[in-house]
């Protein structure tokens, strides 16, 4: 799964908004702020590129 996201370390080290935006988009990152709790809840559901090999079995 991580391999499909590209070089995550470089994106985080770069820390430029465009690079982080691409990473967050690939992770399907969702943030929810709860002001009464002074909390931020994060949820992610990264997609996975899969490949199947088909042939005579």
C-alpha atoms as a PDB file:
ATOM      1  CA  UNK A   1       0.000   0.000   0.000  1.00  0.00           C
ATOM      2  CA  UNK A   2       2.707   2.457   0.961  1.00  0.00           C
ATOM      3  CA  UNK A   3       4.610   1.862  -2.274  1.00  0.00           C
ATOM      4  CA  UNK A   4       1.601   2.998  -4.287  1.00  0.00           C
ATOM      5  CA  UNK A   5       1.756   6.410  -2.576  1.00  0.00           C
ATOM      6  CA  UNK A   6       5.192   7.216  -3.932  1.00  0.00           C
ATOM      7  CA  UNK A   7       8.039   8.611  -1.866  1.00  0.00           C
ATOM      8  CA  UNK A   8       6.149   9.566   1.309  1.00  0.00           C
ATOM      9  CA  UNK A   9       9.338  10.518   3.170  1.00  0.00           C
ATOM     10  CA  UNK A  10      10.320  13.008   0.478  1.00  0.00           C
ATOM     11  CA  UNK A  11       6.829  14.527   0.430  1.00  0.00           C
ATOM     12  CA  UNK A  12       6.896  15.024   4.194  1.00  0.00           C
ATOM     13  CA  UNK A  13      10.467  16.340   4.218  1.00  0.00           C
ATOM     14  CA  UNK A  14       9.619  18.753   1.405  1.00  0.00           C
ATOM     15  CA  UNK A  15       6.615  20.006   3.420  1.00  0.00           C
ATOM     16  CA  UNK A  16       5.459  22.325   0.656  1.00  0.00           C
ATOM     17  CA  UNK A  17       1.686  22.735   0.433  1.00  0.00           C
ATOM     18  CA  UNK A  18       1.450  21.227  -3.062  1.00  0.00           C
ATOM     19  CA  UNK A  19       3.372  18.086  -2.066  1.00  0.00           C
ATOM     20  CA  UNK A  20       1.405  17.646   1.131  1.00  0.00           C
ATOM     21  CA  UNK A  21      -1.867  18.181  -0.729  1.00  0.00           C
ATOM     22  CA  UNK A  22      -0.965  15.362  -3.146  1.00  0.00           C
ATOM     23  CA  UNK A  23      -0.108  13.056  -0.249  1.00  0.00           C
ATOM     24  CA  UNK A  24      -3.309  13.893   1.639  1.00  0.00           C
ATOM     25  CA  UNK A  25      -5.344  13.322  -1.511  1.00  0.00           C
ATOM     26  CA  UNK A  26      -3.723   9.931  -2.149  1.00  0.00           C
ATOM     27  CA  UNK A  27      -4.394   8.943   1.463  1.00  0.00           C
ATOM     28  CA  UNK A  28      -8.011  10.155   1.213  1.00  0.00           C
ATOM     29  CA  UNK A  29      -7.306  12.058   4.420  1.00  0.00           C
ATOM     30  CA  UNK A  30     -10.326  13.519   6.181  1.00  0.00           C
ATOM     31  CA  UNK A  31     -10.061  15.830   9.181  1.00  0.00           C
ATOM     32  CA  UNK A  32     -12.877  16.811  11.515  1.00  0.00           C
ATOM     33  CA  UNK A  33     -12.443  19.564  14.099  1.00  0.00           C
ATOM     34  CA  UNK A  34     -14.519  19.481  17.270  1.00  0.00           C
ATOM     35  CA  UNK A  35     -14.198  22.930  18.891  1.00  0.00           C
ATOM     36  CA  UNK A  36     -15.888  21.957  22.175  1.00  0.00           C
ATOM     37  CA  UNK A  37     -13.374  19.144  22.630  1.00  0.00           C
ATOM     38  CA  UNK A  38     -10.463  21.111  21.169  1.00  0.00           C
ATOM     39  CA  UNK A  39      -9.760  17.990  19.126  1.00  0.00           C
ATOM     40  CA  UNK A  40      -9.094  17.067  15.537  1.00  0.00           C
ATOM     41  CA  UNK A  41     -10.090  13.619  14.333  1.00  0.00           C
ATOM     42  CA  UNK A  42      -8.272  12.193  11.330  1.00  0.00           C
ATOM     43  CA  UNK A  43      -9.398   9.338   9.138  1.00  0.00           C
ATOM     44  CA  UNK A  44      -7.698   7.858   6.114  1.00  0.00           C
ATOM     45  CA  UNK A  45      -8.534   5.135   3.641  1.00  0.00           C
ATOM     46  CA  UNK A  46      -5.696   4.796   1.154  1.00  0.00           C
ATOM     47  CA  UNK A  47      -6.600   3.132  -2.110  1.00  0.00           C
ATOM     48  CA  UNK A  48      -4.503   0.278  -3.364  1.00  0.00           C
ATOM     49  CA  UNK A  49      -3.527  -0.389  -6.922  1.00  0.00           C
ATOM     50  CA  UNK A  50      -3.807  -4.108  -7.463  1.00  0.00           C
ATOM     51  CA  UNK A  51      -2.892  -6.288 -10.359  1.00  0.00           C
ATOM     52  CA  UNK A  52      -4.124  -9.777 -10.994  1.00  0.00           C
ATOM     53  CA  UNK A  53      -2.440 -12.400 -13.077  1.00  0.00           C
ATOM     54  CA  UNK A  54      -4.840 -14.445 -15.115  1.00  0.00           C
ATOM     55  CA  UNK A  55      -4.013 -17.521 -17.002  1.00  0.00           C
ATOM     56  CA  UNK A  56      -4.744 -21.173 -17.313  1.00  0.00           C
ATOM     57  CA  UNK A  57      -5.110 -22.791 -13.927  1.00  0.00           C
END
